[in-house]
Amino acid sequence: MLRTIIKREIQEYLKSLKFLIGLLITVVLVTVSTFISLNEYRQRHADYLAACEETKNDITYVRVYRSPELLSVLVQGKDRRLGNQVEITSGSLPYGTHGYMGWYRSRHNRIMAGFEAVDFAFVVRVVLSLLVIFLAYNAVSEEKSNGTLKLALANNLPRDRLLLGKFIGGGIIVLVSLLIATLLALLILISDPVIALGRGEWIRLGGMFAVSALYLGSFYTLSLFVSVLVNRPATSLIVLLQVWVVLLIIYPNLGLVLARKLQKLPGQEEITRQKEAAWAPYEKESKEISNAFSNAFKNGGRPSTELSLRNDEIRSRRAELQYQVDLECGNLFTGQAQLARRISIFSPAVLYDEMMNRLARTGMDQVERFLEAVPRHWRKHVERGKLLWKDREAFRKSKLPEFDYGRETLAESFKGIIYDAMILFLFGIIFFGLAYNGFLRKDVR
């Protein structure tokens, strides 16, 4: 009996115009967006390689780069929006980043609102979640409205068996839709000769599919619950669309607004004052050393080794003190972003975005890793620079170690999403439980 119900539900969905239209829109969007993102990735990767080649022999200025992530083709996240280059000298340790393709992106833009990128993640988050709602909004309410539910239950058909059959049948259709979109994106991805997916990337892709299934499952069980709760299909659809707008648009943006109100951030003038205050104890000594260093050259000689090293030390200290001020302010920005996320934690869209970005390594956490590695590399550059005054021959022979910011491992990524995945799974369990309990008590007359 259960198999018959499941089969009937699948056939009904496959014959429905709304499913065919939704699937067609999904296929078109996935195809177009993946091709566009793939071409953009190729260009960004080529620019990255060219930038590395152009600056590898530069002695005075050291430029470190964050390579574009391969899976940004499917989940762009913040990979291209928050910059990918930092330029350092012994006297300069900037906190922000900019792009090697010419645009500036400050780290302070870390809580930018909105879903700007049309990529695979966008299609799942917006298009497929809407398709799920349109598929399931009338799963029970339409049969109640036209009287077929009463007739079906009059034939000694257990209520739990009927609801379970509807749930499984609709769930299969949802998974098939997601599978088609995923396979299409992967076919486009692996067909490009530039793309080489390793074992780690395939596992990450499997995780993305599972996360997407959890996300769509939460909307599917929510739609099933509302369909049980409301007797008229039109009313059920209106309620679900309103809930969808709240969960995907209003609630996440409200979280950002509240976070900005609750946790104030310093302005640029205040940051400048903090930097001046941090440097004030060294201002007098800095001027004396700088004047002595300059006068040595003006008098036709060379500054002593001790004076040169002290001059470099003062410049490096100033750079580090200014960086510490920027770092403290950056931590406030991080706190604001975390507060916004905690406020919006009951939005499936926010949870989904966080998990997909983590698996694709296109979230803010990956940019954080890059920026945290910059001062470590800068200190190595400063130590090497001291050889210029101590032993010029040793300086010429020495080489600065390769910059490495330690990209997030597979285990770290999955560990980072486990709690969000559990919350999404819990959403699905709660909504299905509510639908099940409501259907057992429902008046079908």
Protein backbone atom coordinates (compact mmCIF):
# COMPACT_ATOMS: atom_id res chain seq x y z
CA MET A 1 0.00 0.00 0.00
CA LEU A 2 2.81 2.43 0.88
CA ARG A 3 4.55 1.70 -2.40
CA THR A 4 1.35 2.44 -4.29
CA ILE A 5 0.96 5.81 -2.56
CA ILE A 6 4.58 6.74 -3.27
CA LYS A 7 4.25 5.75 -6.92
CA ARG A 8 1.05 7.78 -7.30
CA GLU A 9 2.63 10.84 -5.72
CA ILE A 10 5.68 10.65 -7.97
CA GLN A 11 3.53 10.29 -11.08
CA GLU A 12 1.38 13.25 -10.07
CA TYR A 13 4.42 15.44 -9.54
CA LEU A 14 6.05 14.39 -12.82
CA LYS A 15 2.88 15.23 -14.75
CA SER A 16 2.42 18.63 -13.10
CA LEU A 17 3.23 21.72 -15.13
CA LYS A 18 4.68 23.54 -12.12
CA PHE A 19 7.33 20.85 -11.69
CA LEU A 20 8.32 20.90 -15.36
CA ILE A 21 8.53 24.70 -15.45
CA GLY A 22 10.52 24.82 -12.21
CA LEU A 23 12.92 22.14 -13.41
CA LEU A 24 13.40 23.93 -16.74
CA ILE A 25 14.21 27.21 -14.98
CA THR A 26 16.65 25.36 -12.72
CA VAL A 27 18.44 23.70 -15.63
CA VAL A 28 18.76 26.96 -17.58
CA LEU A 29 20.05 28.93 -14.59
CA VAL A 30 22.53 26.24 -13.53
CA THR A 31 23.88 25.94 -17.08
CA VAL A 32 24.27 29.68 -17.70
CA SER A 33 25.62 30.54 -14.24
CA THR A 34 28.14 27.69 -14.21
CA PHE A 35 29.54 28.64 -17.63
CA ILE A 36 29.83 32.29 -16.59
CA SER A 37 31.46 31.44 -13.25
CA LEU A 38 33.83 29.01 -14.94
CA ASN A 39 35.03 31.63 -17.42
CA GLU A 40 35.47 34.12 -14.61
CA TYR A 41 37.47 31.60 -12.57
CA ARG A 42 39.79 30.92 -15.50
CA GLN A 43 40.45 34.65 -15.85
CA ARG A 44 41.03 35.14 -12.13
CA HIS A 45 43.38 32.15 -12.02
CA ALA A 46 45.33 33.46 -15.00
CA ASP A 47 45.61 36.88 -13.35
CA TYR A 48 46.80 35.23 -10.15
CA LEU A 49 49.56 33.31 -11.95
CA ALA A 50 50.61 36.41 -13.89
CA ALA A 51 50.75 38.51 -10.72
CA CYS A 52 52.89 35.90 -8.94
CA GLU A 53 55.29 35.74 -11.90
CA GLU A 54 55.63 39.52 -12.20
CA THR A 55 56.49 40.13 -8.55
CA LYS A 56 58.54 37.07 -7.53
CA ASN A 57 61.87 38.91 -8.05
CA ASP A 58 60.85 42.17 -6.37
CA ILE A 59 63.17 42.74 -3.39
CA THR A 60 61.83 45.94 -1.82
CA TYR A 61 58.09 45.27 -2.07
CA VAL A 62 56.73 41.90 -1.17
CA ARG A 63 53.30 41.02 -2.50
CA VAL A 64 51.42 38.02 -1.20
CA TYR A 65 48.40 36.59 -2.98
CA ARG A 66 45.39 34.48 -2.17
CA SER A 67 44.68 32.10 -5.02
CA PRO A 68 41.09 31.82 -6.31
CA GLU A 69 39.28 28.75 -5.00
CA LEU A 70 38.37 26.09 -7.54
CA LEU A 71 34.92 25.46 -6.08
CA SER A 72 34.10 29.17 -6.28
CA VAL A 73 32.74 28.21 -9.71
CA LEU A 74 29.78 26.71 -7.84
CA VAL A 75 29.82 28.78 -4.65
CA GLN A 76 31.31 32.23 -5.17
CA GLY A 77 30.77 33.43 -1.62
CA LYS A 78 33.28 36.14 -0.72
CA ASP A 79 36.12 34.66 -2.77
CA ARG A 80 36.21 37.50 -5.29
CA ARG A 81 34.72 40.31 -3.21
CA LEU A 82 37.14 40.80 -0.32
CA GLY A 83 40.43 41.13 -2.13
CA ASN A 84 43.31 38.77 -2.72
CA GLN A 85 46.57 40.74 -2.43
CA VAL A 86 48.55 42.42 0.33
CA GLU A 87 51.69 44.47 -0.35
CA ILE A 88 54.19 44.73 2.50
CA THR A 89 57.51 46.43 3.20
CA SER A 90 59.65 46.50 6.33
CA GLY A 91 57.86 49.70 7.34
CA SER A 92 54.38 48.85 6.11
CA LEU A 93 52.05 46.10 7.28
CA PRO A 94 48.58 46.84 5.89
CA TYR A 95 45.52 45.18 7.35
CA GLY A 96 43.21 45.39 4.35
CA THR A 97 43.42 43.64 1.00
CA HIS A 98 42.94 44.62 -2.62
CA GLY A 99 42.64 42.71 -5.83
CA TYR A 100 45.37 41.97 -8.30
CA MET A 101 42.82 42.85 -10.98
CA GLY A 102 42.59 46.43 -9.81
CA TRP A 103 39.68 46.90 -7.39
CA TYR A 104 39.93 47.59 -3.70
CA ARG A 105 38.09 45.46 -1.18
CA SER A 106 38.47 46.16 2.52
CA ARG A 107 38.29 43.41 5.10
CA HIS A 108 35.71 45.59 6.83
CA ASN A 109 33.13 44.57 4.23
CA ARG A 110 32.90 41.15 5.85
CA ILE A 111 29.17 41.37 6.69
CA MET A 112 27.92 42.57 3.32
CA ALA A 113 24.27 41.69 3.02
CA GLY A 114 22.47 40.19 0.07
CA PHE A 115 22.85 37.20 -2.18
CA GLU A 116 24.62 38.81 -5.13
CA ALA A 117 26.18 35.91 -6.98
CA VAL A 118 24.03 33.81 -9.29
CA ASP A 119 25.76 30.47 -8.92
CA PHE A 120 24.82 26.91 -8.06
CA ALA A 121 24.34 27.80 -4.40
CA PHE A 122 22.02 30.66 -5.40
CA VAL A 123 19.94 28.37 -7.60
CA VAL A 124 19.47 25.90 -4.75
CA ARG A 125 18.88 28.55 -2.11
CA VAL A 126 16.32 30.54 -4.09
CA VAL A 127 14.98 28.70 -7.15
CA LEU A 128 14.83 25.14 -5.84
CA SER A 129 13.48 26.21 -2.45
CA LEU A 130 10.65 27.99 -4.28
CA LEU A 131 10.09 24.91 -6.44
CA VAL A 132 9.79 22.80 -3.29
CA ILE A 133 7.15 25.16 -1.92
CA PHE A 134 5.15 25.09 -5.16
CA LEU A 135 5.34 21.30 -5.21
CA ALA A 136 4.27 20.66 -1.62
CA TYR A 137 1.96 23.54 -0.69
CA ASN A 138 -1.14 21.57 -1.77
CA ALA A 139 0.02 18.06 -0.87
CA VAL A 140 -2.77 17.73 1.72
CA SER A 141 -4.78 20.95 1.52
CA GLU A 142 -5.93 20.35 -2.07
CA GLU A 143 -7.18 16.86 -1.32
CA LYS A 144 -8.97 18.23 1.74
CA SER A 145 -10.50 21.03 -0.32
CA ASN A 146 -11.86 18.82 -3.13
CA GLY A 147 -12.97 15.97 -0.84
CA THR A 148 -10.61 13.23 -2.05
CA LEU A 149 -8.86 13.07 1.31
CA LYS A 150 -12.12 12.08 3.03
CA LEU A 151 -12.77 9.36 0.45
CA ALA A 152 -9.26 7.97 0.69
CA LEU A 153 -9.38 7.68 4.48
CA ALA A 154 -12.86 6.12 4.31
CA ASN A 155 -11.25 3.02 2.72
CA ASN A 156 -9.43 1.95 5.90
CA LEU A 157 -6.22 3.67 4.72
CA PRO A 158 -4.10 4.52 7.79
CA ARG A 159 -3.42 8.24 8.10
CA ASP A 160 0.22 7.78 8.97
CA ARG A 161 0.72 5.53 5.92
CA LEU A 162 -0.86 8.15 3.63
CA LEU A 163 1.24 11.02 4.99
CA LEU A 164 4.42 8.95 4.90
CA GLY A 165 3.72 8.01 1.28
CA LYS A 166 3.24 11.66 0.36
CA PHE A 167 6.40 12.61 2.22
CA ILE A 168 8.56 9.96 0.54
CA GLY A 169 7.09 10.53 -2.93
CA GLY A 170 7.59 14.29 -2.78
CA GLY A 171 11.01 13.88 -1.18
CA ILE A 172 12.16 11.69 -4.07
CA ILE A 173 11.09 14.37 -6.55
CA VAL A 174 12.95 17.03 -4.58
CA LEU A 175 16.13 14.93 -4.49
CA VAL A 176 15.85 14.12 -8.20
CA SER A 177 15.57 17.84 -9.01
CA LEU A 178 18.63 18.58 -6.88
CA LEU A 179 20.53 15.66 -8.42
CA ILE A 180 19.82 16.88 -11.95
CA ALA A 181 21.06 20.38 -11.09
CA THR A 182 24.17 19.00 -9.38
CA LEU A 183 25.11 16.59 -12.18
CA LEU A 184 24.63 19.30 -14.79
CA ALA A 185 26.93 21.69 -12.93
CA LEU A 186 29.54 18.95 -12.47
CA LEU A 187 29.46 17.96 -16.14
CA ILE A 188 30.15 21.54 -17.15
CA LEU A 189 32.89 21.79 -14.53
CA ILE A 190 34.82 18.62 -15.40
CA SER A 191 34.48 19.19 -19.14
CA ASP A 192 36.86 22.14 -18.89
CA PRO A 193 40.53 21.09 -19.35
CA VAL A 194 41.69 23.69 -16.80
CA ILE A 195 39.69 22.08 -14.01
CA ALA A 196 41.25 19.15 -12.17
CA LEU A 197 39.19 17.87 -9.25
CA GLY A 198 41.11 15.96 -6.63
CA ARG A 199 39.82 13.55 -4.02
CA GLY A 200 39.29 16.37 -1.55
CA GLU A 201 37.19 18.38 -4.00
CA TRP A 202 34.97 15.38 -4.75
CA ILE A 203 34.34 14.84 -1.06
CA ARG A 204 33.53 18.53 -0.65
CA LEU A 205 31.10 18.29 -3.57
CA GLY A 206 29.43 15.33 -1.88
CA GLY A 207 29.12 17.42 1.27
CA MET A 208 27.57 20.27 -0.75
CA PHE A 209 24.96 17.89 -2.17
CA ALA A 210 24.11 16.62 1.33
CA VAL A 211 23.87 20.16 2.72
CA SER A 212 21.65 21.20 -0.19
CA ALA A 213 19.41 18.20 0.44
CA LEU A 214 19.09 19.17 4.12
CA TYR A 215 18.24 22.74 3.17
CA LEU A 216 15.56 21.76 0.66
CA GLY A 217 14.28 19.14 3.11
CA SER A 218 13.62 21.83 5.72
CA PHE A 219 11.46 23.75 3.25
CA TYR A 220 9.76 20.58 2.08
CA THR A 221 8.71 19.52 5.59
CA LEU A 222 7.68 23.12 6.37
CA SER A 223 5.48 23.13 3.25
CA LEU A 224 4.00 19.77 4.21
CA PHE A 225 3.20 21.08 7.70
CA VAL A 226 1.46 24.21 6.38
CA SER A 227 -0.45 22.10 3.86
CA VAL A 228 -1.73 19.95 6.73
CA LEU A 229 -2.52 22.97 8.87
CA VAL A 230 -4.40 24.99 6.22
CA ASN A 231 -7.44 23.63 4.39
CA ARG A 232 -7.32 25.84 1.28
CA PRO A 233 -4.43 25.47 -1.21
CA ALA A 234 -4.39 29.17 -2.09
CA THR A 235 -4.09 30.15 1.55
CA SER A 236 -1.36 27.57 2.07
CA LEU A 237 0.65 28.99 -0.83
CA ILE A 238 0.30 32.57 0.39
CA VAL A 239 1.43 31.62 3.89
CA LEU A 240 4.44 29.70 2.60
CA LEU A 241 5.54 32.48 0.25
CA GLN A 242 5.37 34.97 3.09
CA VAL A 243 7.40 32.67 5.33
CA TRP A 244 9.92 32.18 2.50
CA VAL A 245 10.38 35.94 2.10
CA VAL A 246 10.86 36.36 5.84
CA LEU A 247 13.37 33.52 6.17
CA LEU A 248 15.45 34.37 3.09
CA ILE A 249 15.32 38.15 2.95
CA ILE A 250 13.80 40.00 5.89
CA TYR A 251 15.15 38.00 8.82
CA PRO A 252 18.83 37.79 7.67
CA ASN A 253 18.93 41.51 6.86
CA LEU A 254 17.22 42.32 10.15
CA GLY A 255 20.02 40.41 11.86
CA LEU A 256 22.59 42.64 10.17
CA VAL A 257 20.73 45.80 11.16
CA LEU A 258 20.39 44.69 14.78
CA ALA A 259 24.05 43.69 14.96
CA ARG A 260 25.10 47.14 13.75
CA LYS A 261 22.83 48.77 16.31
CA LEU A 262 23.88 46.59 19.23
CA GLN A 263 27.63 46.63 18.56
CA LYS A 264 28.98 49.99 17.47
CA LEU A 265 32.19 50.12 15.47
CA PRO A 266 34.87 52.83 15.51
CA GLY A 267 35.06 55.28 12.62
CA GLN A 268 38.16 56.04 10.61
CA GLU A 269 38.94 59.18 12.63
CA GLU A 270 38.87 57.22 15.88
CA ILE A 271 41.13 54.52 14.40
CA THR A 272 43.59 57.22 13.29
CA ARG A 273 43.62 58.72 16.81
CA GLN A 274 44.30 55.29 18.31
CA LYS A 275 47.24 54.80 15.96
CA GLU A 276 48.67 58.20 16.86
CA ALA A 277 48.29 57.46 20.57
CA ALA A 278 50.02 54.09 20.19
CA TRP A 279 52.95 55.72 18.39
CA ALA A 280 53.26 58.78 20.62
CA PRO A 281 55.84 57.26 23.05
CA TYR A 282 58.19 56.56 20.13
CA GLU A 283 57.65 59.80 18.19
CA LYS A 284 60.63 61.71 19.58
CA GLU A 285 63.09 58.85 19.20
CA SER A 286 61.80 58.16 15.69
CA LYS A 287 62.52 61.72 14.56
CA GLU A 288 66.02 61.66 16.07
CA ILE A 289 66.91 58.37 14.41
CA SER A 290 65.42 59.42 11.08
CA ASN A 291 67.31 62.74 11.07
CA ALA A 292 70.59 61.06 11.99
CA PHE A 293 70.06 58.46 9.26
CA SER A 294 69.36 61.14 6.63
CA ASN A 295 72.23 63.39 7.71
CA ALA A 296 74.70 60.53 7.33
CA PHE A 297 73.88 60.34 3.61
CA LYS A 298 73.78 64.12 3.20
CA ASN A 299 77.32 64.36 4.56
CA GLY A 300 78.58 61.97 1.90
CA GLY A 301 78.99 58.98 4.14
CA ARG A 302 76.97 55.98 5.17
CA PRO A 303 75.08 55.45 8.40
CA SER A 304 76.57 52.98 10.83
CA THR A 305 75.24 49.45 11.02
CA GLU A 306 73.81 50.13 14.45
CA LEU A 307 72.02 53.29 13.25
CA SER A 308 70.67 51.56 10.15
CA LEU A 309 69.36 48.63 12.15
CA ARG A 310 67.79 50.97 14.70
CA ASN A 311 66.14 52.97 11.92
CA ASP A 312 64.65 49.79 10.44
CA GLU A 313 63.55 48.66 13.90
CA ILE A 314 61.71 51.94 14.54
CA ARG A 315 59.96 51.78 11.16
CA SER A 316 58.98 48.16 11.75
CA ARG A 317 57.69 48.94 15.22
CA ARG A 318 55.47 51.68 13.86
CA ALA A 319 54.08 49.33 11.23
CA GLU A 320 53.38 46.68 13.86
CA LEU A 321 51.74 49.12 16.29
CA GLN A 322 49.44 50.43 13.55
CA TYR A 323 48.64 46.88 12.53
CA GLN A 324 47.70 46.01 16.13
CA VAL A 325 45.21 48.89 16.19
CA ASP A 326 43.72 47.71 12.90
CA LEU A 327 43.63 44.16 14.22
CA GLU A 328 41.71 45.18 17.35
CA CYS A 329 39.21 47.11 15.24
CA GLY A 330 38.98 44.13 12.89
CA ASN A 331 38.12 41.89 15.82
CA LEU A 332 35.20 44.21 16.54
CA PHE A 333 34.04 43.76 12.96
CA THR A 334 34.37 40.02 13.39
CA GLY A 335 32.32 40.20 16.57
CA GLN A 336 29.64 42.17 14.77
CA ALA A 337 29.51 39.58 12.00
CA GLN A 338 29.26 36.74 14.52
CA LEU A 339 26.47 38.57 16.38
CA ALA A 340 24.54 39.03 13.13
CA ARG A 341 24.91 35.33 12.44
CA ARG A 342 23.72 34.35 15.93
CA ILE A 343 20.67 36.55 15.54
CA SER A 344 19.89 34.99 12.14
CA ILE A 345 20.62 31.41 13.15
CA PHE A 346 17.00 30.30 12.61
CA SER A 347 17.13 31.22 8.93
CA PRO A 348 17.81 28.11 6.82
CA ALA A 349 19.26 30.38 4.13
CA VAL A 350 21.89 31.79 6.51
CA LEU A 351 22.85 28.31 7.70
CA TYR A 352 22.99 27.04 4.12
CA ASP A 353 25.19 29.92 2.97
CA GLU A 354 27.60 29.41 5.85
CA MET A 355 27.96 25.68 5.18
CA MET A 356 28.34 25.99 1.42
CA ASN A 357 30.96 28.73 1.78
CA ARG A 358 32.83 26.64 4.31
CA LEU A 359 32.86 23.56 2.09
CA ALA A 360 33.89 25.56 -0.98
CA ARG A 361 36.45 27.55 1.07
CA THR A 362 34.95 30.80 -0.17
CA GLY A 363 33.78 32.21 3.15
CA MET A 364 35.26 34.83 5.44
CA ASP A 365 37.09 32.18 7.45
CA GLN A 366 39.38 31.46 4.50
CA VAL A 367 40.14 35.16 4.03
CA GLU A 368 40.86 35.32 7.77
CA ARG A 369 43.45 32.56 7.37
CA PHE A 370 45.12 34.52 4.59
CA LEU A 371 45.22 37.75 6.60
CA GLU A 372 46.48 36.01 9.74
CA ALA A 373 49.43 34.62 7.76
CA VAL A 374 50.45 38.04 6.41
CA PRO A 375 52.10 39.37 9.64
CA ARG A 376 54.02 36.10 10.03
CA HIS A 377 55.39 36.50 6.52
CA TRP A 378 56.09 40.19 7.19
CA ARG A 379 58.24 39.35 10.21
CA LYS A 380 60.32 36.98 8.07
CA HIS A 381 60.73 39.82 5.55
CA VAL A 382 61.86 42.21 8.32
CA GLU A 383 64.42 39.69 9.63
CA ARG A 384 65.80 39.16 6.15
CA GLY A 385 66.02 42.94 5.66
CA LYS A 386 68.43 43.23 8.60
CA LEU A 387 71.00 41.31 6.56
CA LEU A 388 71.18 44.26 4.17
CA TRP A 389 73.07 46.24 6.87
CA LYS A 390 74.90 43.33 8.48
CA ASP A 391 76.07 41.28 5.50
CA ARG A 392 75.12 42.39 1.97
CA GLU A 393 76.46 39.24 0.39
CA ALA A 394 74.33 37.09 2.69
CA PHE A 395 71.35 39.31 1.91
CA ARG A 396 71.76 38.78 -1.84
CA LYS A 397 72.01 35.02 -1.40
CA SER A 398 69.09 34.74 0.99
CA LYS A 399 65.56 34.18 -0.19
CA LEU A 400 62.30 34.91 1.52
CA PRO A 401 60.37 31.68 2.18
CA GLU A 402 57.30 31.01 0.08
CA PHE A 403 54.14 32.54 1.46
CA ASP A 404 51.73 29.94 2.80
CA TYR A 405 48.48 30.68 4.58
CA GLY A 406 47.40 27.12 5.25
CA ARG A 407 44.15 26.53 3.43
CA GLU A 408 41.46 24.85 5.48
CA THR A 409 41.64 21.06 5.49
CA LEU A 410 38.76 18.75 4.69
CA ALA A 411 38.40 17.70 8.32
CA GLU A 412 38.31 21.33 9.49
CA SER A 413 35.64 22.21 6.96
CA PHE A 414 33.34 19.36 7.96
CA LYS A 415 33.94 20.04 11.64
CA GLY A 416 32.98 23.67 11.03
CA ILE A 417 29.59 22.83 9.49
CA ILE A 418 28.43 20.02 11.77
CA TYR A 419 26.40 22.20 14.14
CA ASP A 420 24.72 24.11 11.31
CA ALA A 421 23.87 20.82 9.61
CA MET A 422 22.38 19.51 12.85
CA ILE A 423 20.20 22.61 13.16
CA LEU A 424 18.92 22.22 9.60
CA PHE A 425 18.26 18.53 10.19
CA LEU A 426 16.42 19.44 13.40
CA PHE A 427 14.26 21.89 11.45
CA GLY A 428 13.20 19.09 9.14
CA ILE A 429 12.47 16.71 12.03
CA ILE A 430 10.40 19.32 13.90
CA PHE A 431 8.32 20.33 10.88
CA PHE A 432 7.69 16.72 9.89
CA GLY A 433 6.71 15.89 13.46
CA LEU A 434 4.29 18.81 13.50
CA ALA A 435 2.86 17.74 10.14
CA TYR A 436 2.51 14.14 11.31
CA ASN A 437 0.81 15.09 14.57
CA GLY A 438 -1.44 17.59 12.83
CA PHE A 439 -2.49 15.11 10.15
CA LEU A 440 -3.41 12.44 12.71
CA ARG A 441 -5.72 14.98 14.40
CA LYS A 442 -6.99 16.65 11.25
CA ASP A 443 -10.72 16.84 10.61
CA VAL A 444 -11.15 15.55 7.05
CA ARG A 445 -14.90 16.09 6.78
